[in-house]
PDB file of N, CA and C in Angstrom:
ATOM      1  N   MET A   1      69.617 132.746  94.979  1.00  0.00           N
ATOM      2  CA  MET A   1      69.304 131.536  95.722  1.00  0.00           C
ATOM      3  C   MET A   1      69.702 130.295  94.927  1.00  0.00           C
ATOM      4  N   ARG A   2      69.472 130.332  93.616  1.00  0.00           N
ATOM      5  CA  ARG A   2      69.844 129.182  92.787  1.00  0.00           C
ATOM      6  C   ARG A   2      71.349 128.958  92.796  1.00  0.00           C
ATOM      7  N   THR A   3      72.091 130.049  92.796  1.00  0.00           N
ATOM      8  CA  THR A   3      73.546 129.935  92.785  1.00  0.00           C
ATOM      9  C   THR A   3      74.042 129.244  94.055  1.00  0.00           C
ATOM     10  N   VAL A   4      73.510 129.620  95.186  1.00  0.00           N
ATOM     11  CA  VAL A   4      73.905 129.009  96.455  1.00  0.00           C
ATOM     12  C   VAL A   4      73.538 127.533  96.462  1.00  0.00           C
ATOM     13  N   ALA A   5      72.359 127.199  96.000  1.00  0.00           N
ATOM     14  CA  ALA A   5      71.926 125.801  95.957  1.00  0.00           C
ATOM     15  C   ALA A   5      72.809 125.004  95.002  1.00  0.00           C
ATOM     16  N   SER A   6      73.165 125.589  93.881  1.00  0.00           N
ATOM     17  CA  SER A   6      74.024 124.905  92.909  1.00  0.00           C
ATOM     18  C   SER A   6      75.415 124.661  93.491  1.00  0.00           C
ATOM     19  N   LEU A   7      75.967 125.662  94.150  1.00  0.00           N
ATOM     20  CA  LEU A   7      77.290 125.495  94.756  1.00  0.00           C
ATOM     21  C   LEU A   7      77.278 124.442  95.857  1.00  0.00           C
ATOM     22  N   LEU A   8      76.222 124.423  96.634  1.00  0.00           N
ATOM     23  CA  LEU A   8      76.090 123.422  97.680  1.00  0.00           C
ATOM     24  C   LEU A   8      76.011 122.018  97.081  1.00  0.00           C
ATOM     25  N   LEU A   9      75.250 121.865  96.028  1.00  0.00           N
ATOM     26  CA  LEU A   9      75.110 120.566  95.360  1.00  0.00           C
ATOM     27  C   LEU A   9      76.445 120.106  94.788  1.00  0.00           C
ATOM     28  N   VAL A  10      77.165 120.995  94.157  1.00  0.00           N
ATOM     29  CA  VAL A  10      78.465 120.642  93.592  1.00  0.00           C
ATOM     30  C   VAL A  10      79.430 120.225  94.686  1.00  0.00           C
ATOM     31  N   THR A  11      79.425 120.923  95.795  1.00  0.00           N
ATOM     32  CA  THR A  11      80.305 120.594  96.918  1.00  0.00           C
ATOM     33  C   THR A  11      79.990 119.207  97.474  1.00  0.00           C
ATOM     34  N   VAL A  12      78.733 118.915  97.658  1.00  0.00           N
ATOM     35  CA  VAL A  12      78.327 117.610  98.183  1.00  0.00           C
ATOM     36  C   VAL A  12      78.700 116.503  97.204  1.00  0.00           C
ATOM     37  N   LEU A  13      78.461 116.713  95.933  1.00  0.00           N
ATOM     38  CA  LEU A  13      78.761 115.679  94.944  1.00  0.00           C
ATOM     39  C   LEU A  13      80.255 115.459  94.774  1.00  0.00           C
ATOM     40  N   SER A  14      81.061 116.475  94.927  1.00  0.00           N
ATOM     41  CA  SER A  14      82.507 116.289  94.810  1.00  0.00           C
ATOM     42  C   SER A  14      83.030 115.415  95.944  1.00  0.00           C
ATOM     43  N   GLY A  15      82.465 115.532  97.119  1.00  0.00           N
ATOM     44  CA  GLY A  15      82.842 114.669  98.224  1.00  0.00           C
ATOM     45  C   GLY A  15      82.449 113.227  97.981  1.00  0.00           C
ATOM     46  N   CYS A  16      81.321 113.011  97.359  1.00  0.00           N
ATOM     47  CA  CYS A  16      80.871 111.659  97.033  1.00  0.00           C
ATOM     48  C   CYS A  16      81.780 111.031  95.987  1.00  0.00           C
ATOM     49  N   ASN A  17      82.285 111.828  95.075  1.00  0.00           N
ATOM     50  CA  ASN A  17      83.144 111.311  94.030  1.00  0.00           C
ATOM     51  C   ASN A  17      84.416 110.726  94.623  1.00  0.00           C
ATOM     52  N   THR A  18      85.011 111.383  95.593  1.00  0.00           N
ATOM     53  CA  THR A  18      86.225 110.875  96.223  1.00  0.00           C
ATOM     54  C   THR A  18      85.944 109.551  96.928  1.00  0.00           C
ATOM     55  N   ALA A  19      84.841 109.464  97.604  1.00  0.00           N
ATOM     56  CA  ALA A  19      84.479 108.223  98.287  1.00  0.00           C
ATOM     57  C   ALA A  19      84.237 107.115  97.282  1.00  0.00           C
ATOM     58  N   ALA A  20      83.604 107.422  96.168  1.00  0.00           N
ATOM     59  CA  ALA A  20      83.333 106.417  95.145  1.00  0.00           C
ATOM     60  C   ALA A  20      84.637 105.929  94.521  1.00  0.00           C
ATOM     61  N   GLU A  21      85.577 106.834  94.261  1.00  0.00           N
ATOM     62  CA  GLU A  21      86.872 106.430  93.707  1.00  0.00           C
ATOM     63  C   GLU A  21      87.586 105.476  94.651  1.00  0.00           C
ATOM     64  N   ARG A  22      87.539 105.784  95.941  1.00  0.00           N
ATOM     65  CA  ARG A  22      88.186 104.924  96.942  1.00  0.00           C
ATOM     66  C   ARG A  22      87.537 103.542  96.952  1.00  0.00           C
ATOM     67  N   LEU A  23      86.216 103.485  96.919  1.00  0.00           N
ATOM     68  CA  LEU A  23      85.516 102.203  96.948  1.00  0.00           C
ATOM     69  C   LEU A  23      85.823 101.366  95.714  1.00  0.00           C
ATOM     70  N   VAL A  24      85.864 101.990  94.559  1.00  0.00           N
ATOM     71  CA  VAL A  24      86.169 101.255  93.328  1.00  0.00           C
ATOM     72  C   VAL A  24      87.597 100.718  93.386  1.00  0.00           C
ATOM     73  N   TYR A  25      88.540 101.560  93.783  1.00  0.00           N
ATOM     74  CA  TYR A  25      89.943 101.140  93.862  1.00  0.00           C
ATOM     75  C   TYR A  25      90.116  99.963  94.823  1.00  0.00           C
ATOM     76  N   GLU A  26      89.550 100.084  96.014  1.00  0.00           N
ATOM     77  CA  GLU A  26      89.685  99.012  97.004  1.00  0.00           C
ATOM     78  C   GLU A  26      88.967  97.739  96.547  1.00  0.00           C
ATOM     79  N   GLY A  27      87.841  97.881  95.875  1.00  0.00           N
ATOM     80  CA  GLY A  27      87.125  96.717  95.363  1.00  0.00           C
ATOM     81  C   GLY A  27      87.939  95.963  94.327  1.00  0.00           C
ATOM     82  N   ILE A  28      88.609  96.694  93.458  1.00  0.00           N
ATOM     83  CA  ILE A  28      89.454  96.051  92.449  1.00  0.00           C
ATOM     84  C   ILE A  28      90.622  95.327  93.118  1.00  0.00           C
ATOM     85  N   ARG A  29      91.229  95.948  94.103  1.00  0.00           N
ATOM     86  CA  ARG A  29      92.336  95.297  94.828  1.00  0.00           C
ATOM     87  C   ARG A  29      91.873  93.988  95.479  1.00  0.00           C
ATOM     88  N   GLN A  30      90.711  94.023  96.112  1.00  0.00           N
ATOM     89  CA  GLN A  30      90.209  92.828  96.783  1.00  0.00           C
ATOM     90  C   GLN A  30      89.860  91.734  95.784  1.00  0.00           C
ATOM     91  N   GLU A  31      89.282  92.100  94.659  1.00  0.00           N
ATOM     92  CA  GLU A  31      88.919  91.116  93.646  1.00  0.00           C
ATOM     93  C   GLU A  31      90.167  90.467  93.047  1.00  0.00           C
ATOM     94  N   ASN A  32      91.200  91.257  92.804  1.00  0.00           N
ATOM     95  CA  ASN A  32      92.448  90.689  92.293  1.00  0.00           C
ATOM     96  C   ASN A  32      93.044  89.701  93.283  1.00  0.00           C
ATOM     97  N   ALA A  33      93.050  90.040  94.546  1.00  0.00           N
ATOM     98  CA  ALA A  33      93.584  89.146  95.572  1.00  0.00           C
ATOM     99  C   ALA A  33      92.751  87.866  95.653  1.00  0.00           C
ATOM    100  N   ARG A  34      91.440  87.996  95.548  1.00  0.00           N
ATOM    101  CA  ARG A  34      90.572  86.808  95.608  1.00  0.00           C
ATOM    102  C   ARG A  34      90.827  85.883  94.426  1.00  0.00           C
ATOM    103  N   GLN A  35      90.960  86.449  93.227  1.00  0.00           N
ATOM    104  CA  GLN A  35      91.189  85.632  92.041  1.00  0.00           C
ATOM    105  C   GLN A  35      92.533  84.922  92.097  1.00  0.00           C
ATOM    106  N   GLN A  36      93.534  85.574  92.651  1.00  0.00           N
ATOM    107  CA  GLN A  36      94.848  84.953  92.726  1.00  0.00           C
ATOM    108  C   GLN A  36      94.899  83.843  93.763  1.00  0.00           C
ATOM    109  N   ALA A  37      94.015  83.878  94.727  1.00  0.00           N
ATOM    110  CA  ALA A  37      94.003  82.859  95.776  1.00  0.00           C
ATOM    111  C   ALA A  37      93.214  81.614  95.369  1.00  0.00           C
ATOM    112  N   GLN A  38      92.563  81.641  94.219  1.00  0.00           N
ATOM    113  CA  GLN A  38      91.763  80.500  93.790  1.00  0.00           C
ATOM    114  C   GLN A  38      92.657  79.319  93.409  1.00  0.00           C
ATOM    115  N   PRO A  39      92.190  78.104  93.661  1.00  0.00           N
ATOM    116  CA  PRO A  39      92.954  76.928  93.245  1.00  0.00           C
ATOM    117  C   PRO A  39      93.083  76.904  91.713  1.00  0.00           C
ATOM    118  N   GLY A  40      94.219  76.427  91.248  1.00  0.00           N
ATOM    119  CA  GLY A  40      94.437  76.337  89.809  1.00  0.00           C
ATOM    120  C   GLY A  40      95.091  77.559  89.220  1.00  0.00           C
ATOM    121  N   HIS A  41      95.309  78.563  90.013  1.00  0.00           N
ATOM    122  CA  HIS A  41      95.995  79.766  89.536  1.00  0.00           C
ATOM    123  C   HIS A  41      97.475  79.410  89.502  1.00  0.00           C
ATOM    124  N   ASP A  42      98.025  79.207  88.304  1.00  0.00           N
ATOM    125  CA  ASP A  42      99.351  78.621  88.169  1.00  0.00           C
ATOM    126  C   ASP A  42     100.507  79.627  88.156  1.00  0.00           C
ATOM    127  N   THR A  43     100.233  80.875  88.340  1.00  0.00           N
ATOM    128  CA  THR A  43     101.319  81.854  88.378  1.00  0.00           C
ATOM    129  C   THR A  43     101.487  82.381  89.799  1.00  0.00           C
ATOM    130  N   ALA A  44     102.640  82.962  90.045  1.00  0.00           N
ATOM    131  CA  ALA A  44     102.889  83.551  91.360  1.00  0.00           C
ATOM    132  C   ALA A  44     101.974  84.753  91.541  1.00  0.00           C
ATOM    133  N   PRO A  45     101.432  84.926  92.729  1.00  0.00           N
ATOM    134  CA  PRO A  45     100.533  86.070  92.945  1.00  0.00           C
ATOM    135  C   PRO A  45     101.277  87.396  92.814  1.00  0.00           C
ATOM    136  N   ASP A  46     100.594  88.358  92.255  1.00  0.00           N
ATOM    137  CA  ASP A  46     101.155  89.703  92.157  1.00  0.00           C
ATOM    138  C   ASP A  46     101.194  90.313  93.551  1.00  0.00           C
ATOM    139  N   PRO A  47     102.189  91.148  93.808  1.00  0.00           N
ATOM    140  CA  PRO A  47     102.186  91.828  95.103  1.00  0.00           C
ATOM    141  C   PRO A  47     100.978  92.750  95.202  1.00  0.00           C
ATOM    142  N   ALA A  48     100.476  92.891  96.390  1.00  0.00           N
ATOM    143  CA  ALA A  48      99.305  93.753  96.590  1.00  0.00           C
ATOM    144  C   ALA A  48      99.672  95.187  96.249  1.00  0.00           C
ATOM    145  N   GLY A  49      98.761  95.881  95.604  1.00  0.00           N
ATOM    146  CA  GLY A  49      98.991  97.278  95.263  1.00  0.00           C
ATOM    147  C   GLY A  49      98.943  98.154  96.496  1.00  0.00           C
ATOM    148  N   PRO A  50      99.355  99.389  96.344  1.00  0.00           N
ATOM    149  CA  PRO A  50      99.330 100.299  97.493  1.00  0.00           C
ATOM    150  C   PRO A  50      97.903 100.640  97.899  1.00  0.00           C
ATOM    151  N   ASP A  51      97.729 101.079  99.128  1.00  0.00           N
ATOM    152  CA  ASP A  51      96.397 101.499  99.540  1.00  0.00           C
ATOM    153  C   ASP A  51      96.024 102.781  98.783  1.00  0.00           C
ATOM    154  N   PHE A  52      94.789 103.183  98.879  1.00  0.00           N
ATOM    155  CA  PHE A  52      94.279 104.300  98.076  1.00  0.00           C
ATOM    156  C   PHE A  52      95.011 105.598  98.359  1.00  0.00           C
ATOM    157  N   ASP A  53      95.347 105.857  99.616  1.00  0.00           N
ATOM    158  CA  ASP A  53      96.032 107.107  99.948  1.00  0.00           C
ATOM    159  C   ASP A  53      97.418 107.168  99.302  1.00  0.00           C
ATOM    160  N   ALA A  54      98.165 106.064  99.359  1.00  0.00           N
ATOM    161  CA  ALA A  54      99.487 106.031  98.734  1.00  0.00           C
ATOM    162  C   ALA A  54      99.365 106.149  97.221  1.00  0.00           C
ATOM    163  N   TYR A  55      98.359 105.494  96.655  1.00  0.00           N
ATOM    164  CA  TYR A  55      98.115 105.574  95.215  1.00  0.00           C
ATOM    165  C   TYR A  55      97.811 107.013  94.796  1.00  0.00           C
ATOM    166  N   THR A  56      96.982 107.703  95.553  1.00  0.00           N
ATOM    167  CA  THR A  56      96.606 109.078  95.229  1.00  0.00           C
ATOM    168  C   THR A  56      97.819 110.008  95.322  1.00  0.00           C
ATOM    169  N   LYS A  57      98.642 109.844  96.355  1.00  0.00           N
ATOM    170  CA  LYS A  57      99.833 110.684  96.496  1.00  0.00           C
ATOM    171  C   LYS A  57     100.797 110.475  95.335  1.00  0.00           C
ATOM    172  N   GLU A  58     101.018 109.220  94.951  1.00  0.00           N
ATOM    173  CA  GLU A  58     101.919 108.930  93.836  1.00  0.00           C
ATOM    174  C   GLU A  58     101.363 109.493  92.529  1.00  0.00           C
ATOM    175  N   ARG A  59     100.075 109.370  92.343  1.00  0.00           N
ATOM    176  CA  ARG A  59      99.439 109.899  91.135  1.00  0.00           C
ATOM    177  C   ARG A  59      99.590 111.416  91.056  1.00  0.00           C
ATOM    178  N   GLN A  60      99.380 112.109  92.161  1.00  0.00           N
ATOM    179  CA  GLN A  60      99.541 113.561  92.180  1.00  0.00           C
ATOM    180  C   GLN A  60     100.991 113.961  91.934  1.00  0.00           C
ATOM    181  N   ARG A  61     101.934 113.208  92.490  1.00  0.00           N
ATOM    182  CA  ARG A  61     103.347 113.504  92.286  1.00  0.00           C
ATOM    183  C   ARG A  61     103.716 113.373  90.810  1.00  0.00           C
ATOM    184  N   LEU A  62     103.237 112.310  90.175  1.00  0.00           N
ATOM    185  CA  LEU A  62     103.539 112.107  88.761  1.00  0.00           C
ATOM    186  C   LEU A  62     102.888 113.172  87.880  1.00  0.00           C
ATOM    187  N   GLN A  63     101.694 113.612  88.255  1.00  0.00           N
ATOM    188  CA  GLN A  63     101.035 114.662  87.487  1.00  0.00           C
ATOM    189  C   GLN A  63     101.817 115.972  87.594  1.00  0.00           C
ATOM    190  N   LYS A  64     102.348 116.283  88.771  1.00  0.00           N
ATOM    191  CA  LYS A  64     103.145 117.503  88.939  1.00  0.00           C
ATOM    192  C   LYS A  64     104.431 117.443  88.129  1.00  0.00           C
ATOM    193  N   GLU A  65     105.061 116.260  88.097  1.00  0.00           N
ATOM    194  CA  GLU A  65     106.301 116.104  87.341  1.00  0.00           C
ATOM    195  C   GLU A  65     106.091 116.215  85.842  1.00  0.00           C
ATOM    196  N   SER A  66     104.934 115.806  85.374  1.00  0.00           N
ATOM    197  CA  SER A  66     104.693 115.804  83.925  1.00  0.00           C
ATOM    198  C   SER A  66     104.310 117.184  83.391  1.00  0.00           C
ATOM    199  N   ARG A  67     103.976 118.098  84.277  1.00  0.00           N
ATOM    200  CA  ARG A  67     103.626 119.454  83.832  1.00  0.00           C
ATOM    201  C   ARG A  67     104.891 120.212  83.472  1.00  0.00           C
ATOM    202  N   PRO A  68     104.835 120.991  82.386  1.00  0.00           N
ATOM    203  CA  PRO A  68     106.036 121.749  81.980  1.00  0.00           C
ATOM    204  C   PRO A  68     106.348 122.913  82.891  1.00  0.00           C
TER     205      PRO A  68
END
């Protein structure tokens, strides 16, 4: 019974981790855009980064390429 409960808990928490990663990534993107839009920002704004799904796909592709 403990094993089933442990596996269920791990499964639920792994799903939360993906959602948390997405929220952190999107929050950082929004904060960067907000800071660049402030008056007195004397440099050209950086282009907006890719959305989380595109970022995740690129990250997985690079990880596959780096494996021997």
